[in-house]
PDB file of N, CA and C in Angstrom:
ATOM      1  N   MET A   1      23.607  -4.418 -21.900  1.00  0.00           N
ATOM      2  CA  MET A   1      22.640  -3.361 -21.935  1.00  0.00           C
ATOM      3  C   MET A   1      22.869  -2.460 -20.725  1.00  0.00           C
ATOM      4  N   SER A   2      23.043  -1.194 -20.955  1.00  0.00           N
ATOM      5  CA  SER A   2      23.319  -0.249 -19.884  1.00  0.00           C
ATOM      6  C   SER A   2      22.217   0.807 -19.829  1.00  0.00           C
ATOM      7  N   THR A   3      21.630   0.970 -18.640  1.00  0.00           N
ATOM      8  CA  THR A   3      20.604   1.998 -18.471  1.00  0.00           C
ATOM      9  C   THR A   3      21.162   3.270 -17.854  1.00  0.00           C
ATOM     10  N   ASN A   4      22.422   3.229 -17.411  1.00  0.00           N
ATOM     11  CA  ASN A   4      23.004   4.397 -16.774  1.00  0.00           C
ATOM     12  C   ASN A   4      24.255   4.909 -17.489  1.00  0.00           C
ATOM     13  N   GLY A   5      24.548   4.409 -18.642  1.00  0.00           N
ATOM     14  CA  GLY A   5      25.679   4.888 -19.415  1.00  0.00           C
ATOM     15  C   GLY A   5      27.015   4.261 -19.056  1.00  0.00           C
ATOM     16  N   MET A   6      27.047   3.335 -18.114  1.00  0.00           N
ATOM     17  CA  MET A   6      28.310   2.693 -17.723  1.00  0.00           C
ATOM     18  C   MET A   6      28.598   1.533 -18.672  1.00  0.00           C
ATOM     19  N   THR A   7      29.840   1.410 -19.033  1.00  0.00           N
ATOM     20  CA  THR A   7      30.236   0.297 -19.888  1.00  0.00           C
ATOM     21  C   THR A   7      31.038  -0.734 -19.120  1.00  0.00           C
ATOM     22  N   SER A   8      31.545  -0.370 -17.937  1.00  0.00           N
ATOM     23  CA  SER A   8      32.348  -1.283 -17.136  1.00  0.00           C
ATOM     24  C   SER A   8      32.113  -0.993 -15.656  1.00  0.00           C
ATOM     25  N   TRP A   9      32.075  -2.055 -14.857  1.00  0.00           N
ATOM     26  CA  TRP A   9      31.921  -1.908 -13.419  1.00  0.00           C
ATOM     27  C   TRP A   9      33.274  -1.788 -12.719  1.00  0.00           C
ATOM     28  N   ALA A  10      34.343  -1.767 -13.465  1.00  0.00           N
ATOM     29  CA  ALA A  10      35.680  -1.680 -12.892  1.00  0.00           C
ATOM     30  C   ALA A  10      36.037  -0.219 -12.602  1.00  0.00           C
ATOM     31  N   VAL A  11      35.173   0.469 -11.836  1.00  0.00           N
ATOM     32  CA  VAL A  11      35.403   1.858 -11.450  1.00  0.00           C
ATOM     33  C   VAL A  11      35.107   2.002  -9.964  1.00  0.00           C
ATOM     34  N   ASP A  12      35.515   3.106  -9.389  1.00  0.00           N
ATOM     35  CA  ASP A  12      35.205   3.393  -7.997  1.00  0.00           C
ATOM     36  C   ASP A  12      33.761   3.871  -7.928  1.00  0.00           C
ATOM     37  N   LEU A  13      32.888   3.099  -7.265  1.00  0.00           N
ATOM     38  CA  LEU A  13      31.460   3.395  -7.274  1.00  0.00           C
ATOM     39  C   LEU A  13      31.102   4.679  -6.535  1.00  0.00           C
ATOM     40  N   LYS A  14      31.987   5.176  -5.664  1.00  0.00           N
ATOM     41  CA  LYS A  14      31.669   6.439  -4.988  1.00  0.00           C
ATOM     42  C   LYS A  14      31.713   7.607  -5.967  1.00  0.00           C
ATOM     43  N   ASP A  15      32.409   7.449  -7.082  1.00  0.00           N
ATOM     44  CA  ASP A  15      32.443   8.497  -8.101  1.00  0.00           C
ATOM     45  C   ASP A  15      31.286   8.389  -9.091  1.00  0.00           C
ATOM     46  N   VAL A  16      30.575   7.265  -9.078  1.00  0.00           N
ATOM     47  CA  VAL A  16      29.522   7.022 -10.049  1.00  0.00           C
ATOM     48  C   VAL A  16      28.212   7.677  -9.610  1.00  0.00           C
ATOM     49  N   GLY A  17      27.861   7.571  -8.329  1.00  0.00           N
ATOM     50  CA  GLY A  17      26.578   8.074  -7.843  1.00  0.00           C
ATOM     51  C   GLY A  17      25.548   6.971  -7.848  1.00  0.00           C
ATOM     52  N   ALA A  18      24.300   7.354  -7.894  1.00  0.00           N
ATOM     53  CA  ALA A  18      23.212   6.371  -7.875  1.00  0.00           C
ATOM     54  C   ALA A  18      23.194   5.583  -9.178  1.00  0.00           C
ATOM     55  N   ILE A  19      22.968   4.275  -9.062  1.00  0.00           N
ATOM     56  CA  ILE A  19      23.027   3.418 -10.248  1.00  0.00           C
ATOM     57  C   ILE A  19      21.708   2.698 -10.497  1.00  0.00           C
ATOM     58  N   TYR A  20      20.624   3.215  -9.931  1.00  0.00           N
ATOM     59  CA  TYR A  20      19.326   2.580 -10.106  1.00  0.00           C
ATOM     60  C   TYR A  20      18.402   3.513 -10.881  1.00  0.00           C
ATOM     61  N   PRO A  21      17.377   2.969 -11.490  1.00  0.00           N
ATOM     62  CA  PRO A  21      16.459   3.820 -12.268  1.00  0.00           C
ATOM     63  C   PRO A  21      15.578   4.681 -11.363  1.00  0.00           C
ATOM     64  N   PHE A  22      15.051   5.741 -11.907  1.00  0.00           N
ATOM     65  CA  PHE A  22      14.163   6.673 -11.214  1.00  0.00           C
ATOM     66  C   PHE A  22      14.817   7.308  -9.994  1.00  0.00           C
ATOM     67  N   GLN A  23      16.088   7.538 -10.058  1.00  0.00           N
ATOM     68  CA  GLN A  23      16.769   8.153  -8.929  1.00  0.00           C
ATOM     69  C   GLN A  23      16.289   9.591  -8.744  1.00  0.00           C
ATOM     70  N   GLY A  24      16.059   9.926  -7.488  1.00  0.00           N
ATOM     71  CA  GLY A  24      15.552  11.237  -7.155  1.00  0.00           C
ATOM     72  C   GLY A  24      14.046  11.295  -7.010  1.00  0.00           C
ATOM     73  N   SER A  25      13.350  10.208  -7.330  1.00  0.00           N
ATOM     74  CA  SER A  25      11.885  10.216  -7.227  1.00  0.00           C
ATOM     75  C   SER A  25      11.391   9.369  -6.055  1.00  0.00           C
ATOM     76  N   GLU A  26      12.255   9.109  -5.089  1.00  0.00           N
ATOM     77  CA  GLU A  26      11.872   8.270  -3.956  1.00  0.00           C
ATOM     78  C   GLU A  26      10.790   8.919  -3.116  1.00  0.00           C
ATOM     79  N   VAL A  27      10.892  10.232  -2.897  1.00  0.00           N
ATOM     80  CA  VAL A  27       9.899  10.928  -2.068  1.00  0.00           C
ATOM     81  C   VAL A  27       8.526  10.843  -2.734  1.00  0.00           C
ATOM     82  N   LEU A  28       8.471  11.066  -4.019  1.00  0.00           N
ATOM     83  CA  LEU A  28       7.201  10.970  -4.743  1.00  0.00           C
ATOM     84  C   LEU A  28       6.616   9.562  -4.624  1.00  0.00           C
ATOM     85  N   MET A  29       7.449   8.544  -4.756  1.00  0.00           N
ATOM     86  CA  MET A  29       6.964   7.171  -4.661  1.00  0.00           C
ATOM     87  C   MET A  29       6.443   6.860  -3.263  1.00  0.00           C
ATOM     88  N   VAL A  30       7.108   7.376  -2.222  1.00  0.00           N
ATOM     89  CA  VAL A  30       6.642   7.152  -0.854  1.00  0.00           C
ATOM     90  C   VAL A  30       5.303   7.845  -0.636  1.00  0.00           C
ATOM     91  N   ILE A  31       5.168   9.070  -1.132  1.00  0.00           N
ATOM     92  CA  ILE A  31       3.904   9.798  -0.995  1.00  0.00           C
ATOM     93  C   ILE A  31       2.782   9.036  -1.705  1.00  0.00           C
ATOM     94  N   LEU A  32       3.036   8.567  -2.912  1.00  0.00           N
ATOM     95  CA  LEU A  32       2.028   7.792  -3.643  1.00  0.00           C
ATOM     96  C   LEU A  32       1.672   6.500  -2.908  1.00  0.00           C
ATOM     97  N   ALA A  33       2.661   5.842  -2.332  1.00  0.00           N
ATOM     98  CA  ALA A  33       2.407   4.601  -1.598  1.00  0.00           C
ATOM     99  C   ALA A  33       1.552   4.867  -0.363  1.00  0.00           C
ATOM    100  N   VAL A  34       1.831   5.943   0.366  1.00  0.00           N
ATOM    101  CA  VAL A  34       1.050   6.260   1.559  1.00  0.00           C
ATOM    102  C   VAL A  34      -0.388   6.624   1.178  1.00  0.00           C
ATOM    103  N   VAL A  35      -0.561   7.400   0.108  1.00  0.00           N
ATOM    104  CA  VAL A  35      -1.905   7.755  -0.351  1.00  0.00           C
ATOM    105  C   VAL A  35      -2.674   6.495  -0.761  1.00  0.00           C
ATOM    106  N   PHE A  36      -2.026   5.601  -1.490  1.00  0.00           N
ATOM    107  CA  PHE A  36      -2.665   4.341  -1.883  1.00  0.00           C
ATOM    108  C   PHE A  36      -3.049   3.520  -0.656  1.00  0.00           C
ATOM    109  N   TRP A  37      -2.131   3.428   0.309  1.00  0.00           N
ATOM    110  CA  TRP A  37      -2.350   2.655   1.525  1.00  0.00           C
ATOM    111  C   TRP A  37      -3.538   3.198   2.312  1.00  0.00           C
ATOM    112  N   LEU A  38      -3.579   4.514   2.520  1.00  0.00           N
ATOM    113  CA  LEU A  38      -4.685   5.118   3.258  1.00  0.00           C
ATOM    114  C   LEU A  38      -6.006   4.972   2.494  1.00  0.00           C
ATOM    115  N   GLY A  39      -5.971   5.146   1.180  1.00  0.00           N
ATOM    116  CA  GLY A  39      -7.171   4.969   0.367  1.00  0.00           C
ATOM    117  C   GLY A  39      -7.693   3.547   0.432  1.00  0.00           C
ATOM    118  N   TRP A  40      -6.785   2.593   0.381  1.00  0.00           N
ATOM    119  CA  TRP A  40      -7.175   1.180   0.464  1.00  0.00           C
ATOM    120  C   TRP A  40      -7.896   0.904   1.782  1.00  0.00           C
ATOM    121  N   HIS A  41      -7.322   1.388   2.887  1.00  0.00           N
ATOM    122  CA  HIS A  41      -7.944   1.154   4.186  1.00  0.00           C
ATOM    123  C   HIS A  41      -9.290   1.866   4.300  1.00  0.00           C
ATOM    124  N   TYR A  42      -9.401   3.059   3.756  1.00  0.00           N
ATOM    125  CA  TYR A  42     -10.680   3.776   3.770  1.00  0.00           C
ATOM    126  C   TYR A  42     -11.752   2.979   3.016  1.00  0.00           C
ATOM    127  N   LEU A  43     -11.402   2.509   1.826  1.00  0.00           N
ATOM    128  CA  LEU A  43     -12.371   1.729   1.040  1.00  0.00           C
ATOM    129  C   LEU A  43     -12.740   0.424   1.736  1.00  0.00           C
ATOM    130  N   GLN A  44     -11.750  -0.246   2.332  1.00  0.00           N
ATOM    131  CA  GLN A  44     -12.021  -1.499   3.036  1.00  0.00           C
ATOM    132  C   GLN A  44     -12.956  -1.273   4.213  1.00  0.00           C
ATOM    133  N   LEU A  45     -12.701  -0.227   5.003  1.00  0.00           N
ATOM    134  CA  LEU A  45     -13.555   0.046   6.150  1.00  0.00           C
ATOM    135  C   LEU A  45     -14.976   0.393   5.710  1.00  0.00           C
ATOM    136  N   ARG A  46     -15.087   1.156   4.630  1.00  0.00           N
ATOM    137  CA  ARG A  46     -16.409   1.523   4.127  1.00  0.00           C
ATOM    138  C   ARG A  46     -17.179   0.292   3.646  1.00  0.00           C
ATOM    139  N   GLU A  47     -16.513  -0.576   2.888  1.00  0.00           N
ATOM    140  CA  GLU A  47     -17.169  -1.778   2.376  1.00  0.00           C
ATOM    141  C   GLU A  47     -17.536  -2.747   3.501  1.00  0.00           C
ATOM    142  N   GLU A  48     -16.624  -2.928   4.461  1.00  0.00           N
ATOM    143  CA  GLU A  48     -16.919  -3.835   5.566  1.00  0.00           C
ATOM    144  C   GLU A  48     -18.039  -3.277   6.433  1.00  0.00           C
ATOM    145  N   GLY A  49     -18.065  -1.947   6.622  1.00  0.00           N
ATOM    146  CA  GLY A  49     -19.158  -1.335   7.385  1.00  0.00           C
ATOM    147  C   GLY A  49     -20.497  -1.548   6.708  1.00  0.00           C
ATOM    148  N   ALA A  50     -20.519  -1.414   5.384  1.00  0.00           N
ATOM    149  CA  ALA A  50     -21.764  -1.635   4.634  1.00  0.00           C
ATOM    150  C   ALA A  50     -22.186  -3.104   4.731  1.00  0.00           C
ATOM    151  N   GLU A  51     -21.225  -4.007   4.669  1.00  0.00           N
ATOM    152  CA  GLU A  51     -21.548  -5.433   4.769  1.00  0.00           C
ATOM    153  C   GLU A  51     -22.101  -5.773   6.148  1.00  0.00           C
ATOM    154  N   ILE A  52     -21.479  -5.237   7.188  1.00  0.00           N
ATOM    155  CA  ILE A  52     -21.951  -5.497   8.549  1.00  0.00           C
ATOM    156  C   ILE A  52     -23.343  -4.897   8.744  1.00  0.00           C
ATOM    157  N   ALA A  53     -23.553  -3.690   8.220  1.00  0.00           N
ATOM    158  CA  ALA A  53     -24.869  -3.043   8.357  1.00  0.00           C
ATOM    159  C   ALA A  53     -25.950  -3.863   7.664  1.00  0.00           C
ATOM    160  N   SER A  54     -25.626  -4.417   6.497  1.00  0.00           N
ATOM    161  CA  SER A  54     -26.632  -5.221   5.793  1.00  0.00           C
ATOM    162  C   SER A  54     -26.915  -6.525   6.540  1.00  0.00           C
ATOM    163  N   GLU A  55     -25.913  -7.072   7.211  1.00  0.00           N
ATOM    164  CA  GLU A  55     -26.133  -8.296   7.980  1.00  0.00           C
ATOM    165  C   GLU A  55     -26.871  -8.024   9.280  1.00  0.00           C
ATOM    166  N   MET A  56     -26.780  -6.800   9.798  1.00  0.00           N
ATOM    167  CA  MET A  56     -27.450  -6.450  11.050  1.00  0.00           C
ATOM    168  C   MET A  56     -28.928  -6.150  10.834  1.00  0.00           C
ATOM    169  N   LYS A  57     -29.397  -6.094   9.581  1.00  0.00           N
ATOM    170  CA  LYS A  57     -30.788  -5.770   9.310  1.00  0.00           C
ATOM    171  C   LYS A  57     -31.740  -6.867   9.776  1.00  0.00           C
ATOM    172  N   GLY A  58     -31.220  -8.036  10.024  1.00  0.00           N
ATOM    173  CA  GLY A  58     -32.063  -9.136  10.485  1.00  0.00           C
ATOM    174  C   GLY A  58     -32.468  -8.900  11.931  1.00  0.00           C
ATOM    175  N   ASN A  59     -32.322  -9.886  12.752  1.00  0.00           N
ATOM    176  CA  ASN A  59     -32.642  -9.781  14.171  1.00  0.00           C
ATOM    177  C   ASN A  59     -31.398  -9.279  14.901  1.00  0.00           C
ATOM    178  N   PRO A  60     -31.400  -8.050  15.411  1.00  0.00           N
ATOM    179  CA  PRO A  60     -30.200  -7.494  16.052  1.00  0.00           C
ATOM    180  C   PRO A  60     -29.764  -8.292  17.277  1.00  0.00           C
ATOM    181  N   GLU A  61     -30.712  -8.789  18.049  1.00  0.00           N
ATOM    182  CA  GLU A  61     -30.341  -9.554  19.241  1.00  0.00           C
ATOM    183  C   GLU A  61     -29.658 -10.865  18.858  1.00  0.00           C
ATOM    184  N   GLU A  62     -30.163 -11.525  17.842  1.00  0.00           N
ATOM    185  CA  GLU A  62     -29.557 -12.778  17.382  1.00  0.00           C
ATOM    186  C   GLU A  62     -28.143 -12.531  16.869  1.00  0.00           C
ATOM    187  N   THR A  63     -27.968 -11.430  16.157  1.00  0.00           N
ATOM    188  CA  THR A  63     -26.654 -11.084  15.632  1.00  0.00           C
ATOM    189  C   THR A  63     -25.678 -10.786  16.770  1.00  0.00           C
ATOM    190  N   LYS A  64     -26.123 -10.023  17.762  1.00  0.00           N
ATOM    191  CA  LYS A  64     -25.251  -9.714  18.914  1.00  0.00           C
ATOM    192  C   LYS A  64     -24.866 -10.976  19.675  1.00  0.00           C
ATOM    193  N   GLU A  65     -25.811 -11.889  19.819  1.00  0.00           N
ATOM    194  CA  GLU A  65     -25.513 -13.150  20.491  1.00  0.00           C
ATOM    195  C   GLU A  65     -24.478 -13.958  19.714  1.00  0.00           C
ATOM    196  N   ALA A  66     -24.603 -13.964  18.394  1.00  0.00           N
ATOM    197  CA  ALA A  66     -23.648 -14.702  17.571  1.00  0.00           C
ATOM    198  C   ALA A  66     -22.255 -14.077  17.676  1.00  0.00           C
ATOM    199  N   ILE A  67     -22.194 -12.760  17.713  1.00  0.00           N
ATOM    200  CA  ILE A  67     -20.900 -12.077  17.852  1.00  0.00           C
ATOM    201  C   ILE A  67     -20.298 -12.372  19.209  1.00  0.00           C
ATOM    202  N   ASP A  68     -21.110 -12.297  20.271  1.00  0.00           N
ATOM    203  CA  ASP A  68     -20.608 -12.555  21.621  1.00  0.00           C
ATOM    204  C   ASP A  68     -20.164 -13.994  21.791  1.00  0.00           C
ATOM    205  N   ARG A  69     -20.805 -14.908  21.080  1.00  0.00           N
ATOM    206  CA  ARG A  69     -20.453 -16.327  21.183  1.00  0.00           C
ATOM    207  C   ARG A  69     -19.030 -16.576  20.693  1.00  0.00           C
ATOM    208  N   TYR A  70     -18.575 -15.784  19.720  1.00  0.00           N
ATOM    209  CA  TYR A  70     -17.239 -15.980  19.169  1.00  0.00           C
ATOM    210  C   TYR A  70     -16.306 -14.953  19.720  1.00  0.00           C
TER     211      TYR A  70
END
């Protein structure tokens, strides 16, 4: 099964060019990965901030003492 039209590997690969799928779309994939990465961290920070805020609704001094203890 050939995805790049080659029938034999017995050729000089410098004349073949790129032999992997989606060639030329590396920049787009990197941009998408960075956007996903930054979005993930934004959502994580927002969720963790909300969780910490809900836990701080109790006795703030007790919570600070517990944090300082560890």
